[in-house]
């Protein structure tokens, strides 16, 4: 009996100890900088959880923790610190300056400077030679999703589509919210689809008034500065890379099962829910007896596939730096018919003619192909009978797959009927050049001139043939639907055939003149920039 009581006491003691260990309590703390002053907005997180907080105006924080937790304290410009909790109730953390990060060069406005000399808000994402470069994507902005605070990047809505971006929240009710894109120091006037993600070296997001001042009102929605790759000194480097990515629908409509669908319609018809569904059309009833059903969402979708292929040649010596690349992207979206193709060529050449003169040139060409009919009307997949007939007896697509009215259409009718011609091409050519003059007599004084010319060609041909407009015919049973598609029946809709041609050529240019000076005098740093720019 004593032995049993002993083990019971031991068991209760262990449970009590485990409960005390897991029990949370408030931890009060202060985060200080190297001068002993409180840091505002430092992040404190319990590792492995979403439990976290930030410091207030005095650097103080309160966080619920448990014994054994490890908390991480981080702030931009300082080394992150990890502290194991072992019963502490009050905590004082003094952060250590991250000298390597402060010496990092950031791209701001019309130039660059070391982060320690910049007081504005800028977040930099290193893309090349990082895990971000391994993300299979057709869109350059995917590298910013979830990696930079203050910027929201939506998901892609279709193959080759460009997501929306918002920096520090929506700033306009009716106006656009997309940030200004600056590519290699020049305002980018093409479309985001023209930027090849594989050539990006880094991206900087400018978010506050100090950062945006150089670009004026056109930067009201923020600025994203993209720096592309350059050659590395040494032997020529040839790089070949490829990636494949598969995708599926993020969610699927939660619909009635075929059995529940029959029960529901039996009740609506005034029958017992388990009665024989005699209200069905002939072909539906035949499919019911065979146990043959159609999941219309699965019928209209597929496993998407994106393929990327890139080859580049780069190199540099003491006088010349060059980089050339070509890439091919093919994307098949989740919805059948949602297809996209892109081919991009990029070249970049920079030459230090003398110690005080540098010349540079860039050429970018992109071909974007969205041709082919598609459909985004997946609403139809939620309305059709699971016993419907997606194809006719000859195997061709059936426009009206159920006996439920003229507005319940096959969701892939426009894609599979061969009644729509769709040619949708966008070609963009961009030529850029720059000149840098450094003053030999005044260190840090230089003049830079940028020039950019962009030509965008849009080719849009769309034609809907008369066969697209076939209709249900009175007196013709749905199971005899082949009568809708006879040559004589189709010819009756010839007057409905229509189409259009749309060709557009857009030209734009940017001309920058930048006089800048930077210098350091003891502990004082001076950076001044005078800019005159024009663009159309």
Protein backbone atom coordinates (compact mmCIF):
# COMPACT_ATOMS: atom_id res chain seq x y z
CA UNK A 1 0.00 0.00 0.00
CA UNK A 2 2.83 2.43 0.85
CA UNK A 3 4.55 1.58 -2.41
CA UNK A 4 1.37 2.36 -4.36
CA UNK A 5 0.96 5.66 -2.52
CA UNK A 6 4.59 6.52 -3.23
CA UNK A 7 4.18 6.00 -6.99
CA UNK A 8 0.93 7.96 -6.94
CA UNK A 9 2.69 10.83 -5.15
CA UNK A 10 5.57 10.66 -7.66
CA UNK A 11 3.15 10.68 -10.61
CA UNK A 12 1.30 13.74 -9.27
CA UNK A 13 4.63 15.47 -8.62
CA UNK A 14 5.76 14.93 -12.23
CA UNK A 15 2.45 16.25 -13.57
CA UNK A 16 2.74 19.30 -11.34
CA UNK A 17 6.31 19.94 -12.46
CA UNK A 18 5.36 19.65 -16.13
CA UNK A 19 2.43 22.01 -15.58
CA UNK A 20 4.66 24.56 -13.84
CA UNK A 21 7.22 24.25 -16.64
CA UNK A 22 4.63 24.88 -19.35
CA UNK A 23 2.87 27.64 -17.42
CA UNK A 24 3.32 31.05 -18.97
CA UNK A 25 4.06 34.24 -17.09
CA UNK A 26 4.67 37.86 -18.16
CA UNK A 27 8.26 38.82 -18.90
CA UNK A 28 9.03 42.55 -18.68
CA UNK A 29 12.07 43.86 -20.50
CA UNK A 30 13.91 46.76 -22.06
CA UNK A 31 15.93 46.82 -25.29
CA UNK A 32 18.79 49.36 -25.40
CA UNK A 33 21.16 50.52 -28.12
CA UNK A 34 24.93 50.87 -27.79
CA UNK A 35 24.46 54.24 -26.05
CA UNK A 36 22.05 52.88 -23.45
CA UNK A 37 18.98 54.47 -25.03
CA UNK A 38 15.74 52.56 -25.59
CA UNK A 39 15.16 51.20 -29.10
CA UNK A 40 11.71 51.81 -30.56
CA UNK A 41 10.14 48.98 -32.56
CA UNK A 42 12.62 46.18 -31.80
CA UNK A 43 11.08 42.74 -32.41
CA UNK A 44 10.91 40.13 -29.64
CA UNK A 45 9.77 36.64 -30.67
CA UNK A 46 9.55 33.26 -28.94
CA UNK A 47 11.39 30.97 -31.33
CA UNK A 48 9.29 28.35 -33.06
CA UNK A 49 6.03 30.18 -32.33
CA UNK A 50 4.04 33.17 -33.53
CA UNK A 51 4.18 34.67 -30.03
CA UNK A 52 5.90 38.02 -30.24
CA UNK A 53 5.76 41.75 -29.61
CA UNK A 54 7.62 45.00 -30.26
CA UNK A 55 9.16 47.61 -27.97
CA UNK A 56 7.36 50.87 -27.20
CA UNK A 57 8.67 54.45 -27.36
CA UNK A 58 10.97 53.82 -24.40
CA UNK A 59 12.23 50.45 -25.60
CA UNK A 60 10.07 48.51 -23.11
CA UNK A 61 8.09 45.35 -23.81
CA UNK A 62 5.97 42.69 -22.09
CA UNK A 63 5.71 39.15 -23.41
CA UNK A 64 4.16 35.97 -22.04
CA UNK A 65 6.82 33.23 -21.86
CA UNK A 66 7.46 29.84 -20.27
CA UNK A 67 10.57 28.39 -18.69
CA UNK A 68 12.72 26.85 -21.39
CA UNK A 69 11.58 29.23 -24.13
CA UNK A 70 14.19 30.90 -26.31
CA UNK A 71 13.39 34.48 -27.29
CA UNK A 72 14.98 36.30 -30.20
CA UNK A 73 15.52 40.07 -30.08
CA UNK A 74 16.19 41.80 -33.42
CA UNK A 75 16.33 45.24 -34.95
CA UNK A 76 17.63 46.62 -38.25
CA UNK A 77 21.33 47.52 -38.01
CA UNK A 78 21.96 45.33 -34.95
CA UNK A 79 22.92 41.71 -34.41
CA UNK A 80 20.02 39.50 -33.35
CA UNK A 81 20.30 38.11 -29.83
CA UNK A 82 18.88 34.87 -28.45
CA UNK A 83 18.13 34.45 -24.75
CA UNK A 84 16.92 31.31 -22.97
CA UNK A 85 14.25 31.87 -20.35
CA UNK A 86 14.99 30.36 -16.97
CA UNK A 87 12.62 32.04 -14.56
CA UNK A 88 13.57 35.65 -15.36
CA UNK A 89 10.84 38.21 -14.66
CA UNK A 90 12.73 41.30 -15.82
CA UNK A 91 15.20 41.50 -18.70
CA UNK A 92 17.55 44.17 -20.04
CA UNK A 93 19.03 43.59 -23.50
CA UNK A 94 21.78 45.76 -24.96
CA UNK A 95 22.01 45.36 -28.74
CA UNK A 96 25.32 45.14 -30.61
CA UNK A 97 25.81 47.11 -33.82
CA UNK A 98 25.99 44.98 -36.98
CA UNK A 99 28.96 46.70 -38.62
CA UNK A 100 28.73 44.53 -41.71
CA UNK A 101 25.13 45.56 -42.34
CA UNK A 102 25.87 49.23 -41.70
CA UNK A 103 28.67 49.12 -44.28
CA UNK A 104 26.27 47.63 -46.81
CA UNK A 105 25.64 49.83 -49.84
CA UNK A 106 21.97 50.59 -50.45
CA UNK A 107 20.43 52.00 -53.61
CA UNK A 108 18.48 55.18 -52.85
CA UNK A 109 17.12 57.85 -55.13
CA UNK A 110 19.50 58.57 -57.99
CA UNK A 111 22.54 57.06 -56.29
CA UNK A 112 23.80 54.80 -53.53
CA UNK A 113 25.36 55.14 -50.09
CA UNK A 114 26.32 53.10 -47.06
CA UNK A 115 23.38 52.17 -44.87
CA UNK A 116 24.98 53.80 -41.81
CA UNK A 117 24.89 57.16 -43.61
CA UNK A 118 21.23 56.88 -44.58
CA UNK A 119 18.41 57.85 -42.22
CA UNK A 120 15.42 56.94 -44.38
CA UNK A 121 13.40 53.74 -44.51
CA UNK A 122 14.69 51.28 -47.10
CA UNK A 123 14.52 47.48 -47.19
CA UNK A 124 16.91 45.55 -49.41
CA UNK A 125 16.41 42.01 -50.65
CA UNK A 126 19.40 40.14 -52.03
CA UNK A 127 18.00 37.96 -54.80
CA UNK A 128 21.02 36.52 -56.61
CA UNK A 129 22.83 33.63 -54.91
CA UNK A 130 20.10 33.36 -52.26
CA UNK A 131 17.22 30.91 -51.78
CA UNK A 132 14.96 33.52 -53.43
CA UNK A 133 16.74 32.92 -56.74
CA UNK A 134 15.56 29.30 -56.65
CA UNK A 135 11.86 30.22 -56.59
CA UNK A 136 10.30 29.12 -59.92
CA UNK A 137 8.34 32.17 -61.02
CA UNK A 138 7.41 34.23 -64.06
CA UNK A 139 7.07 37.39 -62.00
CA UNK A 140 9.93 39.43 -60.54
CA UNK A 141 7.85 40.74 -57.62
CA UNK A 142 7.43 37.29 -56.05
CA UNK A 143 10.80 37.84 -54.31
CA UNK A 144 9.20 40.59 -52.21
CA UNK A 145 6.23 38.56 -50.98
CA UNK A 146 6.72 37.83 -47.29
CA UNK A 147 10.31 39.12 -47.21
CA UNK A 148 9.87 42.89 -46.80
CA UNK A 149 7.77 44.57 -44.13
CA UNK A 150 5.32 47.20 -45.28
CA UNK A 151 4.72 45.80 -48.78
CA UNK A 152 1.83 43.56 -49.82
CA UNK A 153 2.12 41.48 -52.99
CA UNK A 154 -0.99 39.62 -54.13
CA UNK A 155 -1.01 36.12 -55.58
CA UNK A 156 -0.92 35.57 -59.34
CA UNK A 157 -4.46 35.35 -60.73
CA UNK A 158 -3.53 33.54 -63.94
CA UNK A 159 -0.66 32.41 -66.13
CA UNK A 160 1.68 35.33 -66.80
CA UNK A 161 -0.48 37.77 -64.85
CA UNK A 162 1.19 40.48 -62.78
CA UNK A 163 0.14 40.70 -59.11
CA UNK A 164 -0.89 43.96 -57.48
CA UNK A 165 1.46 45.63 -54.97
CA UNK A 166 0.82 48.07 -52.15
CA UNK A 167 3.59 49.80 -50.15
CA UNK A 168 2.56 50.97 -46.69
CA UNK A 169 -1.17 50.64 -47.38
CA UNK A 170 -3.68 51.98 -49.90
CA UNK A 171 -3.23 55.70 -50.51
CA UNK A 172 -5.95 56.39 -53.05
CA UNK A 173 -9.62 55.47 -53.41
CA UNK A 174 -9.91 55.63 -57.19
CA UNK A 175 -6.30 56.06 -58.26
CA UNK A 176 -3.68 53.39 -58.82
CA UNK A 177 -1.64 51.96 -55.98
CA UNK A 178 1.28 50.40 -57.84
CA UNK A 179 4.72 51.69 -56.74
CA UNK A 180 7.18 53.32 -59.10
CA UNK A 181 9.71 50.88 -60.59
CA UNK A 182 13.30 52.07 -61.10
CA UNK A 183 15.50 49.64 -63.06
CA UNK A 184 19.26 50.16 -62.81
CA UNK A 185 18.80 53.79 -61.77
CA UNK A 186 16.34 54.73 -64.53
CA UNK A 187 12.55 54.98 -64.24
CA UNK A 188 11.14 51.83 -65.84
CA UNK A 189 8.37 52.49 -68.36
CA UNK A 190 7.59 48.96 -69.48
CA UNK A 191 5.39 46.34 -67.85
CA UNK A 192 6.51 44.13 -64.96
CA UNK A 193 6.11 41.08 -67.18
CA UNK A 194 9.04 42.42 -69.25
CA UNK A 195 11.51 42.02 -66.35
CA UNK A 196 13.24 38.64 -66.27
CA UNK A 197 13.49 37.48 -62.61
CA UNK A 198 16.70 35.56 -63.36
CA UNK A 199 18.74 38.73 -64.04
CA UNK A 200 17.90 40.51 -60.77
CA UNK A 201 20.77 41.05 -58.35
CA UNK A 202 18.89 42.90 -55.60
CA UNK A 203 15.73 44.88 -54.91
CA UNK A 204 15.32 47.87 -52.60
CA UNK A 205 11.97 49.15 -51.38
CA UNK A 206 11.87 52.87 -50.48
CA UNK A 207 9.01 53.59 -48.12
CA UNK A 208 9.22 57.00 -46.42
CA UNK A 209 9.33 60.67 -47.44
CA UNK A 210 13.11 60.88 -47.10
CA UNK A 211 13.58 57.98 -49.51
CA UNK A 212 10.96 59.13 -52.00
CA UNK A 213 11.86 62.82 -52.18
CA UNK A 214 14.07 62.38 -55.25
CA UNK A 215 11.15 61.16 -57.38
CA UNK A 216 8.49 63.60 -56.22
CA UNK A 217 4.75 62.95 -56.61
CA UNK A 218 5.22 60.00 -58.97
CA UNK A 219 6.64 58.09 -56.00
CA UNK A 220 3.58 58.62 -53.81
CA UNK A 221 2.91 54.87 -53.79
CA UNK A 222 6.51 53.95 -52.93
CA UNK A 223 9.51 53.03 -55.05
CA UNK A 224 10.99 49.63 -55.88
CA UNK A 225 14.55 49.89 -57.13
CA UNK A 226 15.82 46.88 -59.08
CA UNK A 227 19.51 46.26 -59.73
CA UNK A 228 20.37 43.69 -62.40
CA UNK A 229 23.37 41.38 -62.50
CA UNK A 230 26.81 42.37 -63.79
CA UNK A 231 29.84 40.38 -64.78
CA UNK A 232 32.42 39.23 -62.22
CA UNK A 233 36.09 39.81 -62.89
CA UNK A 234 37.84 36.70 -64.18
CA UNK A 235 37.24 34.20 -66.95
CA UNK A 236 33.95 34.34 -68.88
CA UNK A 237 31.21 32.57 -66.92
CA UNK A 238 28.55 30.58 -68.76
CA UNK A 239 25.50 29.69 -66.67
CA UNK A 240 22.60 27.44 -67.61
CA UNK A 241 19.64 27.00 -65.26
CA UNK A 242 16.22 25.45 -65.49
CA UNK A 243 13.29 25.02 -63.13
CA UNK A 244 9.93 23.29 -63.23
CA UNK A 245 7.06 24.02 -60.88
CA UNK A 246 3.64 22.42 -60.51
CA UNK A 247 0.56 24.13 -59.10
CA UNK A 248 -2.96 23.19 -58.09
CA UNK A 249 -6.09 25.11 -57.21
CA UNK A 250 -5.80 26.64 -53.75
CA UNK A 251 -9.34 25.56 -52.89
CA UNK A 252 -12.23 23.63 -54.41
CA UNK A 253 -15.97 24.38 -54.13
CA UNK A 254 -17.67 22.31 -51.46
CA UNK A 255 -20.66 20.92 -53.37
CA UNK A 256 -23.28 18.26 -52.75
CA UNK A 257 -22.26 14.72 -53.56
CA UNK A 258 -24.10 13.11 -56.53
CA UNK A 259 -26.24 11.13 -54.06
CA UNK A 260 -27.17 14.26 -52.08
CA UNK A 261 -27.84 16.09 -55.35
CA UNK A 262 -30.49 13.47 -56.21
CA UNK A 263 -32.00 13.60 -52.73
CA UNK A 264 -32.31 17.39 -52.91
CA UNK A 265 -33.99 17.34 -56.33
CA UNK A 266 -36.27 14.49 -55.34
CA UNK A 267 -37.54 16.61 -52.44
CA UNK A 268 -37.95 19.64 -54.74
CA UNK A 269 -39.97 17.42 -57.13
CA UNK A 270 -42.26 16.33 -54.29
CA UNK A 271 -40.85 12.80 -54.15
CA UNK A 272 -39.33 10.78 -51.37
CA UNK A 273 -35.65 11.66 -51.06
CA UNK A 274 -34.67 8.06 -51.88
CA UNK A 275 -37.07 7.70 -54.85
CA UNK A 276 -35.94 6.79 -58.34
CA UNK A 277 -35.01 10.11 -60.08
CA UNK A 278 -37.48 9.83 -62.94
CA UNK A 279 -37.34 13.62 -63.40
CA UNK A 280 -33.93 13.26 -65.06
CA UNK A 281 -33.48 13.59 -68.81
CA UNK A 282 -32.80 10.41 -70.76
CA UNK A 283 -29.02 10.74 -70.91
CA UNK A 284 -28.77 11.87 -67.26
CA UNK A 285 -30.80 8.85 -66.18
CA UNK A 286 -28.54 6.58 -68.23
CA UNK A 287 -25.47 8.08 -66.56
CA UNK A 288 -27.15 7.64 -63.19
CA UNK A 289 -27.79 3.95 -63.86
CA UNK A 290 -24.17 3.50 -65.01
CA UNK A 291 -22.84 5.37 -61.96
CA UNK A 292 -21.10 7.75 -64.37
CA UNK A 293 -20.61 11.29 -63.00
CA UNK A 294 -18.68 14.41 -63.93
CA UNK A 295 -16.87 16.58 -61.40
CA UNK A 296 -17.12 19.84 -63.34
CA UNK A 297 -14.40 21.58 -61.36
CA UNK A 298 -11.94 18.75 -62.04
CA UNK A 299 -13.12 18.74 -65.67
CA UNK A 300 -12.23 22.43 -66.05
CA UNK A 301 -8.92 22.45 -64.18
CA UNK A 302 -5.58 20.66 -64.26
CA UNK A 303 -2.25 20.51 -62.52
CA UNK A 304 -0.51 23.67 -63.70
CA UNK A 305 3.06 23.52 -64.96
CA UNK A 306 5.63 26.31 -65.28
CA UNK A 307 8.95 25.80 -67.05
CA UNK A 308 11.86 28.25 -66.94
CA UNK A 309 15.06 27.97 -68.98
CA UNK A 310 17.87 30.55 -68.73
CA UNK A 311 21.36 30.82 -70.20
CA UNK A 312 23.78 33.67 -69.51
CA UNK A 313 27.33 34.72 -70.37
CA UNK A 314 29.16 37.23 -68.20
CA UNK A 315 32.62 38.45 -67.34
CA UNK A 316 34.74 41.48 -66.50
CA UNK A 317 38.26 42.86 -66.46
CA UNK A 318 39.72 46.08 -65.20
CA UNK A 319 38.11 48.11 -68.00
CA UNK A 320 35.06 46.23 -69.30
CA UNK A 321 32.09 44.54 -67.64
CA UNK A 322 29.51 42.57 -69.63
CA UNK A 323 26.45 40.40 -69.02
CA UNK A 324 24.14 38.78 -71.60
CA UNK A 325 21.27 36.39 -71.02
CA UNK A 326 18.30 34.79 -72.67
CA UNK A 327 15.38 33.06 -70.99
CA UNK A 328 12.27 31.16 -72.01
CA UNK A 329 9.21 30.68 -69.79
CA UNK A 330 6.17 28.54 -70.49
CA UNK A 331 3.31 28.46 -68.02
CA UNK A 332 0.16 26.36 -68.10
CA UNK A 333 -2.30 27.69 -65.56
CA UNK A 334 -4.58 25.68 -63.32
CA UNK A 335 -7.63 26.51 -65.49
CA UNK A 336 -7.53 24.66 -68.82
CA UNK A 337 -6.75 27.12 -71.62
CA UNK A 338 -4.88 29.55 -69.37
CA UNK A 339 -1.49 29.50 -71.14
CA UNK A 340 1.43 31.90 -71.30
CA UNK A 341 4.78 32.05 -73.08
CA UNK A 342 7.62 34.52 -72.69
CA UNK A 343 11.03 34.98 -74.31
CA UNK A 344 13.43 37.61 -72.92
CA UNK A 345 16.89 38.77 -74.02
CA UNK A 346 19.09 41.09 -71.97
CA UNK A 347 22.54 42.54 -72.63
CA UNK A 348 24.56 44.93 -70.48
CA UNK A 349 27.98 46.43 -71.25
CA UNK A 350 29.98 48.93 -69.18
CA UNK A 351 33.40 50.31 -70.07
CA UNK A 352 35.75 52.50 -68.00
CA UNK A 353 37.27 54.42 -70.89
CA UNK A 354 39.52 56.41 -68.55
CA UNK A 355 39.76 56.97 -64.81
CA UNK A 356 37.27 59.81 -65.15
CA UNK A 357 34.94 58.54 -67.92
CA UNK A 358 32.58 55.53 -67.95
CA UNK A 359 30.20 54.54 -70.72
CA UNK A 360 27.45 51.95 -70.48
CA UNK A 361 24.71 50.47 -72.65
CA UNK A 362 21.84 48.04 -72.12
CA UNK A 363 19.34 46.33 -74.41
CA UNK A 364 16.27 44.44 -73.23
CA UNK A 365 13.75 42.65 -75.43
CA UNK A 366 10.70 40.70 -74.25
CA UNK A 367 8.05 38.75 -76.13
CA UNK A 368 4.91 37.91 -74.14
CA UNK A 369 2.32 35.59 -75.66
CA UNK A 370 -1.13 35.16 -74.08
CA UNK A 371 -2.75 33.80 -77.25
CA UNK A 372 -5.54 31.26 -77.14
CA UNK A 373 -9.07 31.37 -75.73
CA UNK A 374 -9.48 30.78 -72.04
CA UNK A 375 -12.18 30.96 -69.40
CA UNK A 376 -12.27 32.19 -65.83
CA UNK A 377 -16.01 31.48 -65.45
CA UNK A 378 -15.67 28.63 -63.00
CA UNK A 379 -19.02 29.63 -61.54
CA UNK A 380 -20.59 27.25 -64.07
CA UNK A 381 -18.81 24.34 -62.40
CA UNK A 382 -20.98 24.88 -59.31
CA UNK A 383 -24.29 24.86 -61.23
CA UNK A 384 -24.18 21.80 -63.46
CA UNK A 385 -25.63 18.38 -62.76
CA UNK A 386 -23.01 15.74 -61.88
CA UNK A 387 -24.81 13.49 -64.39
CA UNK A 388 -24.37 15.98 -67.24
CA UNK A 389 -22.86 15.15 -70.61
CA UNK A 390 -19.64 17.18 -71.32
CA UNK A 391 -19.19 15.72 -74.84
CA UNK A 392 -21.44 14.71 -77.71
CA UNK A 393 -21.59 11.27 -79.27
CA UNK A 394 -18.80 12.18 -81.71
CA UNK A 395 -16.51 13.16 -78.80
CA UNK A 396 -16.67 16.90 -79.42
CA UNK A 397 -17.52 19.36 -76.66
CA UNK A 398 -21.18 19.84 -75.77
CA UNK A 399 -22.23 23.45 -75.14
CA UNK A 400 -25.33 22.56 -73.11
CA UNK A 401 -24.35 19.52 -71.00
CA UNK A 402 -27.52 19.41 -68.86
CA UNK A 403 -31.22 19.83 -69.38
CA UNK A 404 -31.38 22.83 -67.05
CA UNK A 405 -31.77 25.87 -69.27
CA UNK A 406 -29.81 27.84 -71.82
CA UNK A 407 -27.62 29.63 -69.26
CA UNK A 408 -25.98 26.53 -67.81
CA UNK A 409 -23.07 26.15 -70.19
CA UNK A 410 -20.07 23.90 -70.45
CA UNK A 411 -17.34 25.93 -68.67
CA UNK A 412 -14.82 24.96 -71.36
CA UNK A 413 -17.01 25.73 -74.36
CA UNK A 414 -14.92 28.76 -75.44
CA UNK A 415 -11.68 26.78 -75.00
CA UNK A 416 -12.52 23.45 -76.65
CA UNK A 417 -15.09 24.38 -79.31
CA UNK A 418 -12.55 25.77 -81.83
CA UNK A 419 -14.90 28.69 -82.44
CA UNK A 420 -12.65 31.49 -81.13
CA UNK A 421 -9.42 32.82 -82.66
CA UNK A 422 -7.35 34.72 -80.13
CA UNK A 423 -3.98 36.32 -80.94
CA UNK A 424 -2.61 38.28 -77.95
CA UNK A 425 1.05 39.38 -78.20
CA UNK A 426 3.07 42.05 -76.38
CA UNK A 427 6.60 42.92 -77.55
CA UNK A 428 8.78 45.41 -75.68
CA UNK A 429 12.20 46.71 -76.66
CA UNK A 430 14.18 48.94 -74.30
CA UNK A 431 17.48 50.67 -75.08
CA UNK A 432 19.44 52.41 -72.33
CA UNK A 433 22.76 54.13 -72.00
CA UNK A 434 24.68 56.14 -69.43
CA UNK A 435 27.73 58.38 -69.17
CA UNK A 436 29.63 59.12 -65.96
CA UNK A 437 32.15 61.95 -65.68
CA UNK A 438 34.23 62.10 -62.49
CA UNK A 439 35.92 65.36 -61.61
CA UNK A 440 39.69 64.66 -61.26
CA UNK A 441 40.22 67.73 -59.09
CA UNK A 442 37.36 67.29 -56.59
CA UNK A 443 37.07 63.82 -55.08
CA UNK A 444 33.46 62.64 -54.83
CA UNK A 445 32.10 65.05 -57.46
CA UNK A 446 30.62 63.44 -60.56
CA UNK A 447 28.10 63.98 -63.33
CA UNK A 448 25.92 61.20 -64.71
CA UNK A 449 23.61 61.25 -67.70
CA UNK A 450 21.08 58.45 -68.30
CA UNK A 451 19.07 57.91 -71.44
CA UNK A 452 16.34 55.35 -72.01
CA UNK A 453 14.02 54.63 -74.95
CA UNK A 454 11.20 52.06 -74.76
CA UNK A 455 9.05 50.77 -77.60
CA UNK A 456 5.99 48.67 -76.77
CA UNK A 457 4.02 46.87 -79.49
CA UNK A 458 0.62 45.33 -78.78
CA UNK A 459 -0.98 42.89 -81.24
CA UNK A 460 -4.56 41.85 -80.48
CA UNK A 461 -6.70 39.87 -82.96
CA UNK A 462 -9.92 38.33 -81.70
CA UNK A 463 -12.63 36.65 -83.74
CA UNK A 464 -15.70 34.70 -82.63
CA UNK A 465 -17.06 32.32 -85.28
CA UNK A 466 -20.75 31.68 -85.80
CA UNK A 467 -20.43 28.19 -84.33
CA UNK A 468 -19.86 29.73 -80.91
CA UNK A 469 -23.48 30.94 -80.77
CA UNK A 470 -25.31 27.62 -81.27
CA UNK A 471 -28.41 27.46 -79.11
CA UNK A 472 -30.76 24.91 -77.64
CA UNK A 473 -33.57 24.30 -80.12
CA UNK A 474 -37.21 23.87 -79.20
CA UNK A 475 -38.53 20.43 -79.98
CA UNK A 476 -35.02 18.89 -79.88
CA UNK A 477 -34.24 16.75 -76.84
CA UNK A 478 -30.94 17.42 -75.10
CA UNK A 479 -29.80 13.86 -75.85
CA UNK A 480 -30.18 14.61 -79.56
CA UNK A 481 -27.98 17.71 -79.25
CA UNK A 482 -25.99 16.90 -82.41
CA UNK A 483 -28.82 18.67 -84.24
CA UNK A 484 -27.54 21.96 -82.78
CA UNK A 485 -24.22 21.60 -84.57
CA UNK A 486 -25.18 20.67 -88.15
CA UNK A 487 -23.80 22.88 -90.91
CA UNK A 488 -27.24 24.29 -91.64
CA UNK A 489 -27.91 25.06 -87.95
CA UNK A 490 -24.53 26.76 -87.51
CA UNK A 491 -24.98 28.80 -90.70
CA UNK A 492 -28.05 30.35 -89.14
CA UNK A 493 -25.81 32.27 -86.73
CA UNK A 494 -23.51 33.74 -89.38
CA UNK A 495 -24.75 37.26 -88.66
CA UNK A 496 -23.55 36.89 -85.05
CA UNK A 497 -19.93 36.25 -86.01
CA UNK A 498 -17.74 39.20 -85.01
CA UNK A 499 -14.19 40.21 -84.18
CA UNK A 500 -11.73 43.04 -83.95
CA UNK A 501 -8.09 43.96 -84.61
CA UNK A 502 -6.11 46.09 -82.22
CA UNK A 503 -2.57 47.22 -82.93
CA UNK A 504 -0.84 49.78 -80.76
CA UNK A 505 2.67 51.19 -80.64
CA UNK A 506 3.78 53.12 -77.56
CA UNK A 507 7.04 55.06 -77.39
CA UNK A 508 8.49 56.51 -74.21
CA UNK A 509 11.80 57.94 -73.12
CA UNK A 510 13.64 59.12 -70.02
CA UNK A 511 16.53 61.59 -69.85
CA UNK A 512 18.33 62.12 -66.51
CA UNK A 513 21.09 64.62 -65.69
CA UNK A 514 22.54 64.02 -62.22
CA UNK A 515 25.22 66.10 -60.52
CA UNK A 516 26.24 64.58 -57.19
CA UNK A 517 28.82 65.05 -54.47
CA UNK A 518 29.62 62.83 -51.51
CA UNK A 519 32.39 63.19 -48.98
CA UNK A 520 33.30 62.48 -45.37
CA UNK A 521 35.03 64.94 -43.08
CA UNK A 522 36.05 63.36 -39.78
CA UNK A 523 32.74 62.16 -38.33
CA UNK A 524 30.62 64.17 -40.74
CA UNK A 525 29.19 62.78 -43.98
CA UNK A 526 27.86 64.95 -46.80
CA UNK A 527 25.81 63.77 -49.75
CA UNK A 528 24.22 66.22 -52.18
CA UNK A 529 22.45 65.51 -55.47
CA UNK A 530 21.09 67.86 -58.12
CA UNK A 531 18.80 66.24 -60.69
CA UNK A 532 17.18 67.44 -63.89
CA UNK A 533 15.05 64.80 -65.60
CA UNK A 534 12.49 64.64 -68.38
CA UNK A 535 10.39 61.78 -69.63
CA UNK A 536 7.38 61.04 -71.75
